[in-house]
């Protein structure tokens, strides 16, 4: 999927959520997944999400283990986890 197509998809999903009144996870609603994984969602601003996605697609973070990405909010959080796991 191209970056432009992914961005358009994200914009359409956001528009749908705004129209339906859906709230992002982590604001004031306990997401359903919190019951099964014992973790709450995190709200990441769209600009940060797009920037992080672009960096990942460009391969800037290929050296980071997949486990650092699991249940992370921002790319900065991923980088902190990777740093801690290396020691």
C-alpha atoms as a PDB file:
ATOM      1  CA  UNK A   1       0.000   0.000   0.000  1.00  0.00           C
ATOM      2  CA  UNK A   2       1.388   3.393  -0.906  1.00  0.00           C
ATOM      3  CA  UNK A   3       1.855   6.099   1.710  1.00  0.00           C
ATOM      4  CA  UNK A   4      -0.697   8.354  -0.023  1.00  0.00           C
ATOM      5  CA  UNK A   5      -3.295   5.575  -0.035  1.00  0.00           C
ATOM      6  CA  UNK A   6      -2.662   4.805   3.647  1.00  0.00           C
ATOM      7  CA  UNK A   7      -3.034   8.497   4.496  1.00  0.00           C
ATOM      8  CA  UNK A   8      -6.299   8.727   2.554  1.00  0.00           C
ATOM      9  CA  UNK A   9      -7.603   5.623   4.348  1.00  0.00           C
ATOM     10  CA  UNK A  10      -6.710   7.154   7.736  1.00  0.00           C
ATOM     11  CA  UNK A  11      -8.508  10.381   6.835  1.00  0.00           C
ATOM     12  CA  UNK A  12     -11.627   8.488   5.751  1.00  0.00           C
ATOM     13  CA  UNK A  13     -11.629   6.456   8.971  1.00  0.00           C
ATOM     14  CA  UNK A  14     -11.265   9.627  11.041  1.00  0.00           C
ATOM     15  CA  UNK A  15     -14.151  11.279   9.174  1.00  0.00           C
ATOM     16  CA  UNK A  16     -16.315   8.202   9.804  1.00  0.00           C
ATOM     17  CA  UNK A  17     -15.457   8.260  13.503  1.00  0.00           C
ATOM     18  CA  UNK A  18     -16.227  11.976  13.781  1.00  0.00           C
ATOM     19  CA  UNK A  19     -19.600  11.482  12.115  1.00  0.00           C
ATOM     20  CA  UNK A  20     -20.497   8.521  14.323  1.00  0.00           C
ATOM     21  CA  UNK A  21     -19.333  10.256  17.506  1.00  0.00           C
ATOM     22  CA  UNK A  22     -16.720   7.590  18.241  1.00  0.00           C
ATOM     23  CA  UNK A  23     -14.023   8.576  20.718  1.00  0.00           C
ATOM     24  CA  UNK A  24     -10.358   7.563  20.464  1.00  0.00           C
ATOM     25  CA  UNK A  25      -9.239   4.852  22.872  1.00  0.00           C
ATOM     26  CA  UNK A  26      -7.733   6.143  26.073  1.00  0.00           C
ATOM     27  CA  UNK A  27      -9.776   9.339  26.371  1.00  0.00           C
ATOM     28  CA  UNK A  28     -12.688   8.515  28.648  1.00  0.00           C
ATOM     29  CA  UNK A  29     -13.876   5.129  27.430  1.00  0.00           C
ATOM     30  CA  UNK A  30     -12.490   1.780  28.544  1.00  0.00           C
ATOM     31  CA  UNK A  31     -11.811  -0.132  25.323  1.00  0.00           C
ATOM     32  CA  UNK A  32     -13.002  -3.719  24.993  1.00  0.00           C
ATOM     33  CA  UNK A  33      -9.419  -4.945  24.604  1.00  0.00           C
ATOM     34  CA  UNK A  34      -8.540  -3.647  28.068  1.00  0.00           C
ATOM     35  CA  UNK A  35     -10.519  -6.564  29.507  1.00  0.00           C
ATOM     36  CA  UNK A  36      -8.512  -9.177  27.616  1.00  0.00           C
ATOM     37  CA  UNK A  37      -4.986  -7.744  27.570  1.00  0.00           C
ATOM     38  CA  UNK A  38      -5.109  -5.623  30.747  1.00  0.00           C
ATOM     39  CA  UNK A  39      -3.891  -2.534  28.900  1.00  0.00           C
ATOM     40  CA  UNK A  40      -5.615   0.683  27.940  1.00  0.00           C
ATOM     41  CA  UNK A  41      -5.323   2.301  24.539  1.00  0.00           C
ATOM     42  CA  UNK A  42      -3.326   5.464  23.993  1.00  0.00           C
ATOM     43  CA  UNK A  43      -4.319   8.451  21.920  1.00  0.00           C
ATOM     44  CA  UNK A  44      -1.615   9.446  19.463  1.00  0.00           C
ATOM     45  CA  UNK A  45      -2.140  12.637  17.460  1.00  0.00           C
ATOM     46  CA  UNK A  46      -2.641  12.076  13.744  1.00  0.00           C
ATOM     47  CA  UNK A  47       0.488  14.045  12.776  1.00  0.00           C
ATOM     48  CA  UNK A  48       2.632  11.820  15.025  1.00  0.00           C
ATOM     49  CA  UNK A  49       0.996   8.680  13.649  1.00  0.00           C
ATOM     50  CA  UNK A  50       1.615   9.706  10.038  1.00  0.00           C
ATOM     51  CA  UNK A  51       5.233  10.703  10.790  1.00  0.00           C
ATOM     52  CA  UNK A  52       5.897   7.421  12.606  1.00  0.00           C
ATOM     53  CA  UNK A  53       4.236   5.363   9.874  1.00  0.00           C
ATOM     54  CA  UNK A  54       6.339   7.089   7.227  1.00  0.00           C
ATOM     55  CA  UNK A  55       9.546   6.396   9.196  1.00  0.00           C
ATOM     56  CA  UNK A  56       8.632   2.713   9.559  1.00  0.00           C
ATOM     57  CA  UNK A  57       7.792   2.350   5.843  1.00  0.00           C
ATOM     58  CA  UNK A  58      11.078   4.052   4.903  1.00  0.00           C
ATOM     59  CA  UNK A  59      12.941   1.443   6.984  1.00  0.00           C
ATOM     60  CA  UNK A  60      14.397   3.828   9.572  1.00  0.00           C
ATOM     61  CA  UNK A  61      13.473   1.455  12.411  1.00  0.00           C
ATOM     62  CA  UNK A  62      14.216  -1.934  10.835  1.00  0.00           C
ATOM     63  CA  UNK A  63      16.798  -2.701  13.524  1.00  0.00           C
ATOM     64  CA  UNK A  64      14.227  -2.483  16.335  1.00  0.00           C
ATOM     65  CA  UNK A  65      12.729  -5.810  17.521  1.00  0.00           C
ATOM     66  CA  UNK A  66       9.020  -6.366  16.931  1.00  0.00           C
ATOM     67  CA  UNK A  67       8.399  -6.740  20.658  1.00  0.00           C
ATOM     68  CA  UNK A  68       9.226  -3.049  21.184  1.00  0.00           C
ATOM     69  CA  UNK A  69       6.308  -2.078  18.924  1.00  0.00           C
ATOM     70  CA  UNK A  70       3.692  -4.162  20.747  1.00  0.00           C
ATOM     71  CA  UNK A  71       1.088  -2.010  22.533  1.00  0.00           C
ATOM     72  CA  UNK A  72       3.183   1.131  22.050  1.00  0.00           C
ATOM     73  CA  UNK A  73       1.718   4.554  21.513  1.00  0.00           C
ATOM     74  CA  UNK A  74       4.282   6.745  19.786  1.00  0.00           C
ATOM     75  CA  UNK A  75       7.474   5.885  17.942  1.00  0.00           C
ATOM     76  CA  UNK A  76       9.371   7.613  20.748  1.00  0.00           C
ATOM     77  CA  UNK A  77       7.957   5.051  23.181  1.00  0.00           C
ATOM     78  CA  UNK A  78       9.109   2.274  20.845  1.00  0.00           C
ATOM     79  CA  UNK A  79      12.621   3.732  20.729  1.00  0.00           C
ATOM     80  CA  UNK A  80      12.728   3.974  24.550  1.00  0.00           C
ATOM     81  CA  UNK A  81      11.676   0.325  24.883  1.00  0.00           C
ATOM     82  CA  UNK A  82      14.290  -0.791  22.369  1.00  0.00           C
ATOM     83  CA  UNK A  83      16.968   1.172  24.238  1.00  0.00           C
ATOM     84  CA  UNK A  84      15.982  -0.406  27.569  1.00  0.00           C
ATOM     85  CA  UNK A  85      15.947  -3.917  26.146  1.00  0.00           C
ATOM     86  CA  UNK A  86      19.498  -3.512  24.824  1.00  0.00           C
ATOM     87  CA  UNK A  87      20.670  -2.572  28.285  1.00  0.00           C
END
